[in-house]
Amino acid sequence: VMAAELPRSTLPLAIEPDPDDLARIASDLLELAFGEKAADPQEIAALFREAVPEGEEMWIIDLMSRSSRPEVVQVLTVLGRRYPDRAIAKAARKAARRARR
């Protein structure tokens, strides 16, 4: 069967993820990574670099800013203070302020 012969779908190619779902995943991963001990800010930044594909950081940070979960504000605040890329750190600080509202 050729691709041109397949019926057209009305579904979008990609579904916009729910910010709360992403926030829950982020906070759950951090909890798994650090357990009961307090997370080291350098480690949070390193985990974020590993988990988020290069070039997608701003998109993920924007989605996280729409979350209502307090853990996300904490992660965004740490990223804003410690992330090595200044533009991403600035976006994380702005996102943390938006998420607090």
N, C-alpha and C. Protein backbone atom coordinates (compact mmCIF):
# COMPACT_ATOMS: atom_id res chain seq x y z
N VAL A 1 0.85 -1.17 0.00
CA VAL A 1 0.00 0.00 0.00
C VAL A 1 0.90 1.23 0.00
N MET A 2 0.60 2.13 -0.86
CA MET A 2 1.35 3.38 -0.95
C MET A 2 0.79 4.39 0.04
N ALA A 3 1.64 5.27 0.52
CA ALA A 3 1.22 6.28 1.49
C ALA A 3 0.09 7.15 0.93
N ALA A 4 0.13 7.43 -0.35
CA ALA A 4 -0.89 8.27 -0.96
C ALA A 4 -2.26 7.60 -0.96
N GLU A 5 -2.27 6.26 -0.86
CA GLU A 5 -3.52 5.51 -0.88
C GLU A 5 -4.15 5.38 0.51
N LEU A 6 -3.41 5.72 1.55
CA LEU A 6 -3.94 5.62 2.90
C LEU A 6 -4.95 6.73 3.15
N PRO A 7 -5.98 6.46 3.95
CA PRO A 7 -6.95 7.52 4.26
C PRO A 7 -6.30 8.62 5.09
N ARG A 8 -6.73 9.83 4.86
CA ARG A 8 -6.20 10.97 5.62
C ARG A 8 -6.80 10.96 7.02
N SER A 9 -5.97 11.27 7.99
CA SER A 9 -6.42 11.32 9.37
C SER A 9 -6.71 12.76 9.76
N THR A 10 -7.67 12.94 10.62
CA THR A 10 -7.97 14.28 11.12
C THR A 10 -7.27 14.52 12.46
N LEU A 11 -6.54 13.53 12.94
CA LEU A 11 -5.81 13.68 14.20
C LEU A 11 -4.57 14.52 13.98
N PRO A 12 -4.19 15.33 14.95
CA PRO A 12 -2.95 16.11 14.83
C PRO A 12 -1.74 15.17 14.84
N LEU A 13 -0.66 15.60 14.21
CA LEU A 13 0.54 14.79 14.19
C LEU A 13 1.14 14.63 15.58
N ALA A 14 1.01 15.64 16.38
CA ALA A 14 1.53 15.58 17.75
C ALA A 14 0.50 16.19 18.69
N ILE A 15 0.39 15.61 19.84
CA ILE A 15 -0.54 16.11 20.84
C ILE A 15 0.25 16.98 21.81
N GLU A 16 -0.28 18.15 22.10
CA GLU A 16 0.36 19.05 23.07
C GLU A 16 0.30 18.40 24.45
N PRO A 17 1.45 18.18 25.08
CA PRO A 17 1.43 17.56 26.40
C PRO A 17 0.78 18.46 27.44
N ASP A 18 0.15 17.84 28.40
CA ASP A 18 -0.45 18.58 29.50
C ASP A 18 0.66 19.04 30.44
N PRO A 19 0.72 20.33 30.76
CA PRO A 19 1.79 20.83 31.64
C PRO A 19 1.85 20.10 32.97
N ASP A 20 0.71 19.78 33.55
CA ASP A 20 0.73 19.07 34.84
C ASP A 20 1.31 17.68 34.71
N ASP A 21 1.07 17.02 33.57
CA ASP A 21 1.66 15.70 33.34
C ASP A 21 3.18 15.80 33.27
N LEU A 22 3.67 16.79 32.51
CA LEU A 22 5.12 16.98 32.41
C LEU A 22 5.72 17.34 33.76
N ALA A 23 5.03 18.18 34.48
CA ALA A 23 5.52 18.59 35.80
C ALA A 23 5.58 17.40 36.74
N ARG A 24 4.54 16.56 36.70
CA ARG A 24 4.53 15.38 37.56
C ARG A 24 5.69 14.44 37.20
N ILE A 25 5.92 14.27 35.91
CA ILE A 25 7.03 13.42 35.47
C ILE A 25 8.35 13.99 35.95
N ALA A 26 8.53 15.30 35.79
CA ALA A 26 9.77 15.94 36.22
C ALA A 26 9.99 15.78 37.71
N SER A 27 8.95 16.04 38.50
CA SER A 27 9.11 15.95 39.95
C SER A 27 9.30 14.50 40.38
N ASP A 28 8.61 13.57 39.73
CA ASP A 28 8.78 12.15 40.06
C ASP A 28 10.18 11.67 39.74
N LEU A 29 10.71 12.09 38.59
CA LEU A 29 12.07 11.69 38.24
C LEU A 29 13.09 12.26 39.22
N LEU A 30 12.88 13.49 39.63
CA LEU A 30 13.79 14.08 40.61
C LEU A 30 13.70 13.35 41.95
N GLU A 31 12.49 12.99 42.33
CA GLU A 31 12.32 12.25 43.59
C GLU A 31 13.00 10.89 43.51
N LEU A 32 12.86 10.22 42.38
CA LEU A 32 13.53 8.93 42.20
C LEU A 32 15.05 9.09 42.22
N ALA A 33 15.52 10.15 41.60
CA ALA A 33 16.97 10.36 41.51
C ALA A 33 17.58 10.70 42.87
N PHE A 34 16.84 11.43 43.72
CA PHE A 34 17.42 11.92 44.96
C PHE A 34 16.83 11.31 46.21
N GLY A 35 15.71 10.63 46.09
CA GLY A 35 15.09 10.01 47.26
C GLY A 35 14.74 11.04 48.31
N GLU A 36 15.08 10.74 49.55
CA GLU A 36 14.72 11.60 50.68
C GLU A 36 15.67 12.78 50.85
N LYS A 37 16.88 12.66 50.33
CA LYS A 37 17.84 13.75 50.54
C LYS A 37 17.52 14.94 49.63
N ALA A 38 17.96 16.09 50.02
CA ALA A 38 17.73 17.30 49.23
C ALA A 38 18.54 17.23 47.95
N ALA A 39 17.94 17.64 46.87
CA ALA A 39 18.61 17.60 45.58
C ALA A 39 19.67 18.69 45.48
N ASP A 40 20.82 18.32 44.97
CA ASP A 40 21.89 19.26 44.72
C ASP A 40 21.55 20.04 43.45
N PRO A 41 21.60 21.36 43.50
CA PRO A 41 21.25 22.15 42.31
C PRO A 41 22.07 21.79 41.07
N GLN A 42 23.33 21.48 41.25
CA GLN A 42 24.17 21.10 40.10
C GLN A 42 23.65 19.80 39.47
N GLU A 43 23.22 18.88 40.33
CA GLU A 43 22.69 17.61 39.84
C GLU A 43 21.36 17.81 39.11
N ILE A 44 20.52 18.72 39.61
CA ILE A 44 19.25 19.01 38.93
C ILE A 44 19.54 19.54 37.53
N ALA A 45 20.47 20.47 37.42
CA ALA A 45 20.82 21.02 36.11
C ALA A 45 21.37 19.93 35.19
N ALA A 46 22.21 19.05 35.73
CA ALA A 46 22.77 17.96 34.92
C ALA A 46 21.68 17.00 34.46
N LEU A 47 20.75 16.66 35.35
CA LEU A 47 19.64 15.78 34.98
C LEU A 47 18.77 16.42 33.91
N PHE A 48 18.53 17.71 34.05
CA PHE A 48 17.72 18.41 33.05
C PHE A 48 18.40 18.36 31.69
N ARG A 49 19.72 18.59 31.65
CA ARG A 49 20.46 18.52 30.38
C ARG A 49 20.36 17.13 29.77
N GLU A 50 20.41 16.10 30.61
CA GLU A 50 20.34 14.73 30.10
C GLU A 50 18.93 14.38 29.63
N ALA A 51 17.92 14.87 30.31
CA ALA A 51 16.54 14.46 30.03
C ALA A 51 15.90 15.22 28.88
N VAL A 52 16.31 16.46 28.67
CA VAL A 52 15.67 17.30 27.66
C VAL A 52 16.59 17.41 26.45
N PRO A 53 16.07 17.04 25.27
CA PRO A 53 16.90 17.14 24.07
C PRO A 53 17.36 18.58 23.82
N GLU A 54 18.55 18.72 23.32
CA GLU A 54 19.09 20.04 23.02
C GLU A 54 18.17 20.75 22.03
N GLY A 55 17.87 22.00 22.32
CA GLY A 55 16.99 22.78 21.47
C GLY A 55 15.53 22.75 21.93
N GLU A 56 15.19 21.86 22.84
CA GLU A 56 13.82 21.74 23.33
C GLU A 56 13.65 22.32 24.73
N GLU A 57 14.72 22.86 25.29
CA GLU A 57 14.68 23.34 26.67
C GLU A 57 13.63 24.43 26.88
N MET A 58 13.58 25.40 25.98
CA MET A 58 12.65 26.53 26.13
C MET A 58 11.20 26.04 26.10
N TRP A 59 10.92 25.09 25.21
CA TRP A 59 9.57 24.55 25.09
C TRP A 59 9.15 23.84 26.37
N ILE A 60 10.05 23.02 26.90
CA ILE A 60 9.74 22.28 28.14
C ILE A 60 9.58 23.26 29.31
N ILE A 61 10.46 24.24 29.39
CA ILE A 61 10.37 25.23 30.47
C ILE A 61 9.04 25.97 30.38
N ASP A 62 8.62 26.34 29.17
CA ASP A 62 7.34 27.02 29.01
C ASP A 62 6.19 26.12 29.48
N LEU A 63 6.21 24.86 29.11
CA LEU A 63 5.17 23.94 29.56
C LEU A 63 5.17 23.79 31.08
N MET A 64 6.35 23.71 31.64
CA MET A 64 6.45 23.56 33.09
C MET A 64 5.89 24.79 33.80
N SER A 65 6.04 25.97 33.19
CA SER A 65 5.56 27.19 33.84
C SER A 65 4.04 27.22 33.95
N ARG A 66 3.36 26.42 33.18
CA ARG A 66 1.90 26.37 33.22
C ARG A 66 1.37 25.40 34.26
N SER A 67 2.27 24.73 34.95
CA SER A 67 1.87 23.74 35.94
C SER A 67 1.47 24.40 37.25
N SER A 68 0.63 23.71 37.98
CA SER A 68 0.23 24.21 39.30
C SER A 68 0.97 23.50 40.43
N ARG A 69 1.91 22.65 40.10
CA ARG A 69 2.62 21.87 41.12
C ARG A 69 3.76 22.69 41.74
N PRO A 70 3.84 22.73 43.08
CA PRO A 70 4.90 23.51 43.73
C PRO A 70 6.30 22.99 43.45
N GLU A 71 6.44 21.69 43.20
CA GLU A 71 7.77 21.13 42.91
C GLU A 71 8.36 21.73 41.65
N VAL A 72 7.49 22.06 40.70
CA VAL A 72 7.96 22.61 39.44
C VAL A 72 8.57 23.99 39.66
N VAL A 73 7.96 24.80 40.50
CA VAL A 73 8.52 26.12 40.80
C VAL A 73 9.92 25.95 41.38
N GLN A 74 10.07 24.97 42.26
CA GLN A 74 11.37 24.71 42.88
C GLN A 74 12.40 24.32 41.81
N VAL A 75 12.04 23.43 40.91
CA VAL A 75 12.97 23.00 39.86
C VAL A 75 13.31 24.17 38.94
N LEU A 76 12.30 24.94 38.54
CA LEU A 76 12.56 26.09 37.67
C LEU A 76 13.45 27.12 38.36
N THR A 77 13.24 27.32 39.65
CA THR A 77 14.08 28.27 40.40
C THR A 77 15.53 27.81 40.41
N VAL A 78 15.75 26.53 40.66
CA VAL A 78 17.11 26.00 40.66
C VAL A 78 17.73 26.12 39.28
N LEU A 79 16.98 25.76 38.25
CA LEU A 79 17.50 25.89 36.89
C LEU A 79 17.84 27.34 36.58
N GLY A 80 16.99 28.25 37.04
CA GLY A 80 17.24 29.66 36.79
C GLY A 80 18.51 30.16 37.46
N ARG A 81 18.86 29.58 38.58
CA ARG A 81 20.07 30.00 39.31
C ARG A 81 21.32 29.27 38.84
N ARG A 82 21.18 28.01 38.43
CA ARG A 82 22.36 27.17 38.21
C ARG A 82 22.60 26.69 36.79
N TYR A 83 21.63 26.85 35.90
CA TYR A 83 21.81 26.28 34.57
C TYR A 83 22.93 27.03 33.84
N PRO A 84 23.85 26.32 33.20
CA PRO A 84 25.01 26.98 32.59
C PRO A 84 24.68 27.87 31.39
N ASP A 85 23.65 27.56 30.64
CA ASP A 85 23.27 28.38 29.50
C ASP A 85 22.45 29.57 30.02
N ARG A 86 22.96 30.77 29.81
CA ARG A 86 22.34 31.96 30.40
C ARG A 86 20.93 32.22 29.88
N ALA A 87 20.69 31.96 28.60
CA ALA A 87 19.37 32.20 28.02
C ALA A 87 18.35 31.23 28.62
N ILE A 88 18.75 29.99 28.79
CA ILE A 88 17.84 29.00 29.38
C ILE A 88 17.61 29.31 30.85
N ALA A 89 18.66 29.72 31.55
CA ALA A 89 18.51 30.09 32.96
C ALA A 89 17.54 31.26 33.11
N LYS A 90 17.66 32.24 32.23
CA LYS A 90 16.76 33.39 32.28
C LYS A 90 15.32 32.96 32.01
N ALA A 91 15.13 32.09 31.03
CA ALA A 91 13.79 31.59 30.72
C ALA A 91 13.22 30.81 31.92
N ALA A 92 14.06 30.06 32.61
CA ALA A 92 13.61 29.31 33.79
C ALA A 92 13.20 30.25 34.92
N ARG A 93 13.95 31.33 35.11
CA ARG A 93 13.57 32.31 36.14
C ARG A 93 12.22 32.94 35.84
N LYS A 94 12.03 33.34 34.58
CA LYS A 94 10.75 33.93 34.18
C LYS A 94 9.62 32.91 34.34
N ALA A 95 9.89 31.67 33.97
CA ALA A 95 8.87 30.61 34.08
C ALA A 95 8.52 30.35 35.54
N ALA A 96 9.50 30.41 36.41
CA ALA A 96 9.24 30.21 37.85
C ALA A 96 8.33 31.31 38.37
N ARG A 97 8.56 32.54 37.94
CA ARG A 97 7.68 33.64 38.36
C ARG A 97 6.26 33.43 37.85
N ARG A 98 6.12 33.00 36.59
CA ARG A 98 4.78 32.75 36.04
C ARG A 98 4.10 31.60 36.78
N ALA A 99 4.86 30.58 37.12
CA ALA A 99 4.28 29.40 37.77
C ALA A 99 3.82 29.71 39.19
N ARG A 100 4.43 30.71 39.83
CA ARG A 100 4.04 31.08 41.20
C ARG A 100 2.67 31.75 41.24
N ARG A 101 2.24 32.33 40.15
CA ARG A 101 0.98 33.09 40.12
C ARG A 101 -0.22 32.21 40.23
